[in-house]
Amino acid sequence: MWYAIAIAVIYTIIQAYYCVKKKYFKELLVSMVIILISAMYLVIPFTELNIPTVSDIVYFIFKPLAELIFEIKK
């Protein structure tokens, strides 16, 4: 687990240096969020946290929307 965190931190530092050097601040923000989410899901199996998976989140968002669309269609 610590190797994964170390690799994520090293990659984050390299990515941040590149983005700041090129003045890509929006890209820096997006990449940091993506790296944070990936590192979080990488550490979950080791810590046994009960965090919803990506498919659970997508289901939570789109299930009411799909029900609404199909209800209107009737």
PDB file of N, CA and C in Angstrom:
ATOM      1  N   MET A   1       0.822  -1.184   0.000  1.00  0.00           N
ATOM      2  CA  MET A   1       0.000   0.000   0.000  1.00  0.00           C
ATOM      3  C   MET A   1       0.872   1.255   0.000  1.00  0.00           C
ATOM      4  N   TRP A   2       1.944   1.234   0.757  1.00  0.00           N
ATOM      5  CA  TRP A   2       2.801   2.418   0.834  1.00  0.00           C
ATOM      6  C   TRP A   2       3.517   2.679  -0.480  1.00  0.00           C
ATOM      7  N   TYR A   3       3.803   1.584  -1.227  1.00  0.00           N
ATOM      8  CA  TYR A   3       4.424   1.772  -2.539  1.00  0.00           C
ATOM      9  C   TYR A   3       3.467   2.492  -3.484  1.00  0.00           C
ATOM     10  N   ALA A   4       2.210   2.121  -3.432  1.00  0.00           N
ATOM     11  CA  ALA A   4       1.212   2.759  -4.291  1.00  0.00           C
ATOM     12  C   ALA A   4       1.062   4.238  -3.942  1.00  0.00           C
ATOM     13  N   ILE A   5       1.047   4.540  -2.665  1.00  0.00           N
ATOM     14  CA  ILE A   5       0.941   5.938  -2.242  1.00  0.00           C
ATOM     15  C   ILE A   5       2.187   6.714  -2.657  1.00  0.00           C
ATOM     16  N   ALA A   6       3.350   6.106  -2.506  1.00  0.00           N
ATOM     17  CA  ALA A   6       4.599   6.765  -2.894  1.00  0.00           C
ATOM     18  C   ALA A   6       4.627   7.041  -4.393  1.00  0.00           C
ATOM     19  N   ILE A   7       4.194   6.073  -5.190  1.00  0.00           N
ATOM     20  CA  ILE A   7       4.163   6.266  -6.638  1.00  0.00           C
ATOM     21  C   ILE A   7       3.180   7.374  -7.003  1.00  0.00           C
ATOM     22  N   ALA A   8       2.026   7.408  -6.359  1.00  0.00           N
ATOM     23  CA  ALA A   8       1.040   8.463  -6.624  1.00  0.00           C
ATOM     24  C   ALA A   8       1.595   9.834  -6.254  1.00  0.00           C
ATOM     25  N   VAL A   9       2.306   9.918  -5.142  1.00  0.00           N
ATOM     26  CA  VAL A   9       2.886  11.199  -4.721  1.00  0.00           C
ATOM     27  C   VAL A   9       3.970  11.647  -5.696  1.00  0.00           C
ATOM     28  N   ILE A  10       4.827  10.731  -6.100  1.00  0.00           N
ATOM     29  CA  ILE A  10       5.896  11.077  -7.049  1.00  0.00           C
ATOM     30  C   ILE A  10       5.299  11.532  -8.373  1.00  0.00           C
ATOM     31  N   TYR A  11       4.311  10.792  -8.862  1.00  0.00           N
ATOM     32  CA  TYR A  11       3.667  11.180 -10.116  1.00  0.00           C
ATOM     33  C   TYR A  11       2.981  12.537  -9.983  1.00  0.00           C
ATOM     34  N   THR A  12       2.364  12.800  -8.842  1.00  0.00           N
ATOM     35  CA  THR A  12       1.701  14.078  -8.610  1.00  0.00           C
ATOM     36  C   THR A  12       2.699  15.228  -8.629  1.00  0.00           C
ATOM     37  N   ILE A  13       3.838  15.031  -8.020  1.00  0.00           N
ATOM     38  CA  ILE A  13       4.872  16.074  -8.008  1.00  0.00           C
ATOM     39  C   ILE A  13       5.362  16.361  -9.417  1.00  0.00           C
ATOM     40  N   ILE A  14       5.609  15.306 -10.191  1.00  0.00           N
ATOM     41  CA  ILE A  14       6.071  15.483 -11.570  1.00  0.00           C
ATOM     42  C   ILE A  14       5.001  16.194 -12.399  1.00  0.00           C
ATOM     43  N   GLN A  15       3.762  15.762 -12.263  1.00  0.00           N
ATOM     44  CA  GLN A  15       2.661  16.367 -13.012  1.00  0.00           C
ATOM     45  C   GLN A  15       2.469  17.827 -12.604  1.00  0.00           C
ATOM     46  N   ALA A  16       2.548  18.114 -11.325  1.00  0.00           N
ATOM     47  CA  ALA A  16       2.380  19.490 -10.848  1.00  0.00           C
ATOM     48  C   ALA A  16       3.501  20.385 -11.362  1.00  0.00           C
ATOM     49  N   TYR A  17       4.713  19.893 -11.341  1.00  0.00           N
ATOM     50  CA  TYR A  17       5.846  20.679 -11.844  1.00  0.00           C
ATOM     51  C   TYR A  17       5.650  21.024 -13.315  1.00  0.00           C
ATOM     52  N   TYR A  18       5.251  20.029 -14.102  1.00  0.00           N
ATOM     53  CA  TYR A  18       5.051  20.253 -15.531  1.00  0.00           C
ATOM     54  C   TYR A  18       3.927  21.257 -15.779  1.00  0.00           C
ATOM     55  N   CYS A  19       2.812  21.096 -15.098  1.00  0.00           N
ATOM     56  CA  CYS A  19       1.662  21.977 -15.322  1.00  0.00           C
ATOM     57  C   CYS A  19       1.931  23.409 -14.857  1.00  0.00           C
ATOM     58  N   VAL A  20       2.621  23.567 -13.749  1.00  0.00           N
ATOM     59  CA  VAL A  20       2.941  24.918 -13.269  1.00  0.00           C
ATOM     60  C   VAL A  20       3.943  25.584 -14.200  1.00  0.00           C
ATOM     61  N   LYS A  21       4.894  24.811 -14.686  1.00  0.00           N
ATOM     62  CA  LYS A  21       5.904  25.348 -15.601  1.00  0.00           C
ATOM     63  C   LYS A  21       5.256  25.846 -16.896  1.00  0.00           C
ATOM     64  N   LYS A  22       4.271  25.111 -17.395  1.00  0.00           N
ATOM     65  CA  LYS A  22       3.584  25.491 -18.632  1.00  0.00           C
ATOM     66  C   LYS A  22       2.374  26.395 -18.377  1.00  0.00           C
ATOM     67  N   LYS A  23       2.084  26.685 -17.113  1.00  0.00           N
ATOM     68  CA  LYS A  23       0.945  27.514 -16.690  1.00  0.00           C
ATOM     69  C   LYS A  23      -0.389  26.900 -17.103  1.00  0.00           C
ATOM     70  N   TYR A  24      -0.500  25.591 -16.934  1.00  0.00           N
ATOM     71  CA  TYR A  24      -1.738  24.848 -17.191  1.00  0.00           C
ATOM     72  C   TYR A  24      -2.436  24.612 -15.852  1.00  0.00           C
ATOM     73  N   PHE A  25      -3.042  25.636 -15.297  1.00  0.00           N
ATOM     74  CA  PHE A  25      -3.612  25.523 -13.959  1.00  0.00           C
ATOM     75  C   PHE A  25      -4.920  24.725 -13.943  1.00  0.00           C
ATOM     76  N   LYS A  26      -5.726  24.847 -14.982  1.00  0.00           N
ATOM     77  CA  LYS A  26      -6.964  24.054 -15.041  1.00  0.00           C
ATOM     78  C   LYS A  26      -6.639  22.574 -15.200  1.00  0.00           C
ATOM     79  N   GLU A  27      -5.669  22.279 -16.055  1.00  0.00           N
ATOM     80  CA  GLU A  27      -5.253  20.892 -16.239  1.00  0.00           C
ATOM     81  C   GLU A  27      -4.658  20.323 -14.960  1.00  0.00           C
ATOM     82  N   LEU A  28      -3.956  21.171 -14.224  1.00  0.00           N
ATOM     83  CA  LEU A  28      -3.386  20.749 -12.949  1.00  0.00           C
ATOM     84  C   LEU A  28      -4.490  20.365 -11.968  1.00  0.00           C
ATOM     85  N   LEU A  29      -5.523  21.167 -11.891  1.00  0.00           N
ATOM     86  CA  LEU A  29      -6.639  20.872 -10.994  1.00  0.00           C
ATOM     87  C   LEU A  29      -7.327  19.560 -11.381  1.00  0.00           C
ATOM     88  N   VAL A  30      -7.600  19.388 -12.657  1.00  0.00           N
ATOM     89  CA  VAL A  30      -8.272  18.170 -13.119  1.00  0.00           C
ATOM     90  C   VAL A  30      -7.403  16.948 -12.859  1.00  0.00           C
ATOM     91  N   SER A  31      -6.123  17.040 -13.170  1.00  0.00           N
ATOM     92  CA  SER A  31      -5.244  15.884 -12.966  1.00  0.00           C
ATOM     93  C   SER A  31      -5.093  15.558 -11.480  1.00  0.00           C
ATOM     94  N   MET A  32      -5.062  16.567 -10.616  1.00  0.00           N
ATOM     95  CA  MET A  32      -4.958  16.302  -9.183  1.00  0.00           C
ATOM     96  C   MET A  32      -6.211  15.603  -8.651  1.00  0.00           C
ATOM     97  N   VAL A  33      -7.365  16.010  -9.137  1.00  0.00           N
ATOM     98  CA  VAL A  33      -8.607  15.357  -8.711  1.00  0.00           C
ATOM     99  C   VAL A  33      -8.625  13.903  -9.175  1.00  0.00           C
ATOM    100  N   ILE A  34      -8.227  13.661 -10.417  1.00  0.00           N
ATOM    101  CA  ILE A  34      -8.206  12.292 -10.941  1.00  0.00           C
ATOM    102  C   ILE A  34      -7.195  11.436 -10.187  1.00  0.00           C
ATOM    103  N   ILE A  35      -6.027  11.984  -9.911  1.00  0.00           N
ATOM    104  CA  ILE A  35      -5.012  11.234  -9.163  1.00  0.00           C
ATOM    105  C   ILE A  35      -5.509  10.940  -7.747  1.00  0.00           C
ATOM    106  N   LEU A  36      -6.165  11.893  -7.122  1.00  0.00           N
ATOM    107  CA  LEU A  36      -6.703  11.685  -5.773  1.00  0.00           C
ATOM    108  C   LEU A  36      -7.755  10.576  -5.756  1.00  0.00           C
ATOM    109  N   ILE A  37      -8.655  10.605  -6.719  1.00  0.00           N
ATOM    110  CA  ILE A  37      -9.688   9.564  -6.790  1.00  0.00           C
ATOM    111  C   ILE A  37      -9.058   8.205  -7.037  1.00  0.00           C
ATOM    112  N   SER A  38      -8.092   8.127  -7.968  1.00  0.00           N
ATOM    113  CA  SER A  38      -7.459   6.830  -8.246  1.00  0.00           C
ATOM    114  C   SER A  38      -6.688   6.313  -7.051  1.00  0.00           C
ATOM    115  N   ALA A  39      -5.978   7.177  -6.370  1.00  0.00           N
ATOM    116  CA  ALA A  39      -5.234   6.735  -5.190  1.00  0.00           C
ATOM    117  C   ALA A  39      -6.186   6.273  -4.095  1.00  0.00           C
ATOM    118  N   MET A  40      -7.312   6.961  -3.961  1.00  0.00           N
ATOM    119  CA  MET A  40      -8.291   6.565  -2.955  1.00  0.00           C
ATOM    120  C   MET A  40      -8.822   5.165  -3.248  1.00  0.00           C
ATOM    121  N   TYR A  41      -9.176   4.898  -4.500  1.00  0.00           N
ATOM    122  CA  TYR A  41      -9.690   3.575  -4.844  1.00  0.00           C
ATOM    123  C   TYR A  41      -8.596   2.513  -4.835  1.00  0.00           C
ATOM    124  N   LEU A  42      -7.353   2.909  -4.939  1.00  0.00           N
ATOM    125  CA  LEU A  42      -6.251   1.955  -4.840  1.00  0.00           C
ATOM    126  C   LEU A  42      -6.026   1.539  -3.390  1.00  0.00           C
ATOM    127  N   VAL A  43      -6.250   2.437  -2.453  1.00  0.00           N
ATOM    128  CA  VAL A  43      -5.996   2.174  -1.037  1.00  0.00           C
ATOM    129  C   VAL A  43      -7.186   1.493  -0.350  1.00  0.00           C
ATOM    130  N   ILE A  44      -8.373   1.608  -0.910  1.00  0.00           N
ATOM    131  CA  ILE A  44      -9.582   1.056  -0.278  1.00  0.00           C
ATOM    132  C   ILE A  44      -9.460  -0.417   0.093  1.00  0.00           C
ATOM    133  N   PRO A  45      -8.972  -1.304  -0.789  1.00  0.00           N
ATOM    134  CA  PRO A  45      -8.908  -2.724  -0.391  1.00  0.00           C
ATOM    135  C   PRO A  45      -8.021  -2.978   0.827  1.00  0.00           C
ATOM    136  N   PHE A  46      -7.011  -2.175   1.015  1.00  0.00           N
ATOM    137  CA  PHE A  46      -6.102  -2.374   2.139  1.00  0.00           C
ATOM    138  C   PHE A  46      -6.678  -1.854   3.453  1.00  0.00           C
ATOM    139  N   THR A  47      -7.483  -0.820   3.387  1.00  0.00           N
ATOM    140  CA  THR A  47      -8.020  -0.215   4.606  1.00  0.00           C
ATOM    141  C   THR A  47      -9.424  -0.696   4.947  1.00  0.00           C
ATOM    142  N   GLU A  48     -10.046  -1.419   4.045  1.00  0.00           N
ATOM    143  CA  GLU A  48     -11.391  -1.974   4.228  1.00  0.00           C
ATOM    144  C   GLU A  48     -12.427  -0.893   4.533  1.00  0.00           C
ATOM    145  N   LEU A  49     -12.316   0.230   3.864  1.00  0.00           N
ATOM    146  CA  LEU A  49     -13.308   1.294   4.003  1.00  0.00           C
ATOM    147  C   LEU A  49     -14.539   0.951   3.179  1.00  0.00           C
ATOM    148  N   ASN A  50     -15.677   1.425   3.609  1.00  0.00           N
ATOM    149  CA  ASN A  50     -16.918   1.177   2.892  1.00  0.00           C
ATOM    150  C   ASN A  50     -17.270   2.406   2.061  1.00  0.00           C
ATOM    151  N   ILE A  51     -16.580   2.572   0.935  1.00  0.00           N
ATOM    152  CA  ILE A  51     -16.809   3.692   0.029  1.00  0.00           C
ATOM    153  C   ILE A  51     -17.488   3.144  -1.221  1.00  0.00           C
ATOM    154  N   PRO A  52     -18.516   3.818  -1.734  1.00  0.00           N
ATOM    155  CA  PRO A  52     -19.209   3.292  -2.912  1.00  0.00           C
ATOM    156  C   PRO A  52     -18.294   3.244  -4.133  1.00  0.00           C
ATOM    157  N   THR A  53     -18.523   2.240  -4.956  1.00  0.00           N
ATOM    158  CA  THR A  53     -17.736   2.107  -6.176  1.00  0.00           C
ATOM    159  C   THR A  53     -18.251   3.081  -7.224  1.00  0.00           C
ATOM    160  N   VAL A  54     -17.509   3.189  -8.303  1.00  0.00           N
ATOM    161  CA  VAL A  54     -17.896   4.101  -9.372  1.00  0.00           C
ATOM    162  C   VAL A  54     -19.232   3.670  -9.977  1.00  0.00           C
ATOM    163  N   SER A  55     -19.432   2.371 -10.136  1.00  0.00           N
ATOM    164  CA  SER A  55     -20.699   1.900 -10.704  1.00  0.00           C
ATOM    165  C   SER A  55     -21.876   2.224  -9.781  1.00  0.00           C
ATOM    166  N   ASP A  56     -21.674   2.183  -8.480  1.00  0.00           N
ATOM    167  CA  ASP A  56     -22.735   2.571  -7.544  1.00  0.00           C
ATOM    168  C   ASP A  56     -23.086   4.054  -7.690  1.00  0.00           C
ATOM    169  N   ILE A  57     -22.079   4.873  -7.880  1.00  0.00           N
ATOM    170  CA  ILE A  57     -22.309   6.314  -8.044  1.00  0.00           C
ATOM    171  C   ILE A  57     -23.065   6.590  -9.334  1.00  0.00           C
ATOM    172  N   VAL A  58     -22.651   5.937 -10.427  1.00  0.00           N
ATOM    173  CA  VAL A  58     -23.338   6.114 -11.711  1.00  0.00           C
ATOM    174  C   VAL A  58     -24.782   5.637 -11.607  1.00  0.00           C
ATOM    175  N   TYR A  59     -24.993   4.512 -10.959  1.00  0.00           N
ATOM    176  CA  TYR A  59     -26.350   3.984 -10.767  1.00  0.00           C
ATOM    177  C   TYR A  59     -27.193   4.969  -9.959  1.00  0.00           C
ATOM    178  N   PHE A  60     -26.626   5.540  -8.914  1.00  0.00           N
ATOM    179  CA  PHE A  60     -27.337   6.492  -8.065  1.00  0.00           C
ATOM    180  C   PHE A  60     -27.743   7.738  -8.852  1.00  0.00           C
ATOM    181  N   ILE A  61     -26.883   8.174  -9.765  1.00  0.00           N
ATOM    182  CA  ILE A  61     -27.163   9.388 -10.531  1.00  0.00           C
ATOM    183  C   ILE A  61     -28.180   9.127 -11.639  1.00  0.00           C
ATOM    184  N   PHE A  62     -27.998   8.040 -12.390  1.00  0.00           N
ATOM    185  CA  PHE A  62     -28.789   7.845 -13.596  1.00  0.00           C
ATOM    186  C   PHE A  62     -30.072   7.046 -13.408  1.00  0.00           C
ATOM    187  N   LYS A  63     -30.229   6.350 -12.313  1.00  0.00           N
ATOM    188  CA  LYS A  63     -31.460   5.573 -12.086  1.00  0.00           C
ATOM    189  C   LYS A  63     -32.689   6.479 -12.017  1.00  0.00           C
ATOM    190  N   PRO A  64     -32.701   7.541 -11.210  1.00  0.00           N
ATOM    191  CA  PRO A  64     -33.880   8.421 -11.195  1.00  0.00           C
ATOM    192  C   PRO A  64     -34.110   9.107 -12.542  1.00  0.00           C
ATOM    193  N   LEU A  65     -33.036   9.448 -13.220  1.00  0.00           N
ATOM    194  CA  LEU A  65     -33.161  10.090 -14.526  1.00  0.00           C
ATOM    195  C   LEU A  65     -33.799   9.140 -15.538  1.00  0.00           C
ATOM    196  N   ALA A  66     -33.376   7.887 -15.543  1.00  0.00           N
ATOM    197  CA  ALA A  66     -33.953   6.898 -16.452  1.00  0.00           C
ATOM    198  C   ALA A  66     -35.419   6.647 -16.127  1.00  0.00           C
ATOM    199  N   GLU A  67     -35.751   6.558 -14.844  1.00  0.00           N
ATOM    200  CA  GLU A  67     -37.150   6.366 -14.458  1.00  0.00           C
ATOM    201  C   GLU A  67     -38.012   7.545 -14.904  1.00  0.00           C
ATOM    202  N   LEU A  68     -37.481   8.743 -14.785  1.00  0.00           N
ATOM    203  CA  LEU A  68     -38.217   9.931 -15.210  1.00  0.00           C
ATOM    204  C   LEU A  68     -38.450   9.916 -16.714  1.00  0.00           C
ATOM    205  N   ILE A  69     -37.438   9.576 -17.475  1.00  0.00           N
ATOM    206  CA  ILE A  69     -37.562   9.547 -18.935  1.00  0.00           C
ATOM    207  C   ILE A  69     -38.580   8.500 -19.372  1.00  0.00           C
ATOM    208  N   PHE A  70     -38.496   7.303 -18.802  1.00  0.00           N
ATOM    209  CA  PHE A  70     -39.424   6.248 -19.205  1.00  0.00           C
ATOM    210  C   PHE A  70     -40.845   6.517 -18.701  1.00  0.00           C
ATOM    211  N   GLU A  71     -40.976   7.252 -17.612  1.00  0.00           N
ATOM    212  CA  GLU A  71     -42.301   7.622 -17.125  1.00  0.00           C
ATOM    213  C   GLU A  71     -42.938   8.647 -18.056  1.00  0.00           C
ATOM    214  N   ILE A  72     -42.165   9.578 -18.547  1.00  0.00           N
ATOM    215  CA  ILE A  72     -42.669  10.585 -19.481  1.00  0.00           C
ATOM    216  C   ILE A  72     -43.030   9.931 -20.814  1.00  0.00           C
ATOM    217  N   LYS A  73     -42.272   8.926 -21.204  1.00  0.00           N
ATOM    218  CA  LYS A  73     -42.481   8.255 -22.485  1.00  0.00           C
ATOM    219  C   LYS A  73     -43.822   7.528 -22.535  1.00  0.00           C
ATOM    220  N   LYS A  74     -44.339   7.072 -21.402  1.00  0.00           N
ATOM    221  CA  LYS A  74     -45.605   6.318 -21.370  1.00  0.00           C
ATOM    222  C   LYS A  74     -46.757   7.155 -21.719  1.00  0.00           C
TER     223      LYS A  74
END
